[in-house]
Amino acid sequence: MDKKRIVNWTIAVIVAIVYLTVSIAFESWAYSWIIWVVYAIYRFIVK
């Protein structure tokens, strides 16, 4: 895999871990979608 693809996968995994950590720690599954929105905006800007 090229370096860009590895970086993209690494960022996706980190976002997933942060999402699960925040959701479980604060029991706020309803609001944790904001993390995915921020990630989607980041992906749109970088692309």
C-alpha atoms as a PDB file:
ATOM      1  CA  MET A   1       0.000   0.000   0.000  1.00  0.00           C
ATOM      2  CA  ASP A   2       1.156   3.501  -0.631  1.00  0.00           C
ATOM      3  CA  LYS A   3       1.828   5.916   2.187  1.00  0.00           C
ATOM      4  CA  LYS A   4      -1.330   8.012   1.661  1.00  0.00           C
ATOM      5  CA  ARG A   5      -3.576   4.962   1.910  1.00  0.00           C
ATOM      6  CA  ILE A   6      -1.872   3.841   5.126  1.00  0.00           C
ATOM      7  CA  VAL A   7      -2.314   7.320   6.623  1.00  0.00           C
ATOM      8  CA  ASN A   8      -6.006   7.332   5.654  1.00  0.00           C
ATOM      9  CA  TRP A   9      -6.586   3.944   7.294  1.00  0.00           C
ATOM     10  CA  THR A  10      -4.688   5.016  10.409  1.00  0.00           C
ATOM     11  CA  ILE A  11      -6.826   8.143  10.751  1.00  0.00           C
ATOM     12  CA  ALA A  12     -10.019   6.122  10.237  1.00  0.00           C
ATOM     13  CA  VAL A  13      -9.030   3.639  12.948  1.00  0.00           C
ATOM     14  CA  ILE A  14      -8.120   6.441  15.371  1.00  0.00           C
ATOM     15  CA  VAL A  15     -11.467   8.142  14.747  1.00  0.00           C
ATOM     16  CA  ALA A  16     -13.281   4.851  15.404  1.00  0.00           C
ATOM     17  CA  ILE A  17     -11.379   4.341  18.667  1.00  0.00           C
ATOM     18  CA  VAL A  18     -12.099   7.914  19.800  1.00  0.00           C
ATOM     19  CA  TYR A  19     -15.767   7.447  18.880  1.00  0.00           C
ATOM     20  CA  LEU A  20     -16.091   4.269  20.930  1.00  0.00           C
ATOM     21  CA  THR A  21     -14.144   5.713  23.858  1.00  0.00           C
ATOM     22  CA  VAL A  22     -16.277   8.858  24.042  1.00  0.00           C
ATOM     23  CA  SER A  23     -19.504   6.922  23.579  1.00  0.00           C
ATOM     24  CA  ILE A  24     -18.733   4.364  26.265  1.00  0.00           C
ATOM     25  CA  ALA A  25     -17.105   6.767  28.745  1.00  0.00           C
ATOM     26  CA  PHE A  26     -19.839   9.386  28.644  1.00  0.00           C
ATOM     27  CA  GLU A  27     -22.698   7.072  27.642  1.00  0.00           C
ATOM     28  CA  SER A  28     -23.670   9.637  25.022  1.00  0.00           C
ATOM     29  CA  TRP A  29     -24.272   7.583  21.904  1.00  0.00           C
ATOM     30  CA  ALA A  30     -26.799  10.141  20.681  1.00  0.00           C
ATOM     31  CA  TYR A  31     -24.250  12.957  20.488  1.00  0.00           C
ATOM     32  CA  SER A  32     -21.195  11.002  19.406  1.00  0.00           C
ATOM     33  CA  TRP A  33     -22.232  11.309  15.747  1.00  0.00           C
ATOM     34  CA  ILE A  34     -20.579  14.751  15.853  1.00  0.00           C
ATOM     35  CA  ILE A  35     -17.208  12.949  15.746  1.00  0.00           C
ATOM     36  CA  TRP A  36     -18.189  11.324  12.443  1.00  0.00           C
ATOM     37  CA  VAL A  37     -19.380  14.667  11.029  1.00  0.00           C
ATOM     38  CA  VAL A  38     -16.030  16.254  11.873  1.00  0.00           C
ATOM     39  CA  TYR A  39     -14.234  13.312  10.261  1.00  0.00           C
ATOM     40  CA  ALA A  40     -16.388  13.583   7.122  1.00  0.00           C
ATOM     41  CA  ILE A  41     -15.639  17.307   6.827  1.00  0.00           C
ATOM     42  CA  TYR A  42     -11.932  16.588   7.276  1.00  0.00           C
ATOM     43  CA  ARG A  43     -12.052  13.947   4.515  1.00  0.00           C
ATOM     44  CA  PHE A  44     -13.871  16.353   2.206  1.00  0.00           C
ATOM     45  CA  ILE A  45     -11.308  19.123   2.762  1.00  0.00           C
ATOM     46  CA  VAL A  46      -8.269  16.840   2.395  1.00  0.00           C
ATOM     47  CA  LYS A  47      -9.624  15.150  -0.725  1.00  0.00           C
END
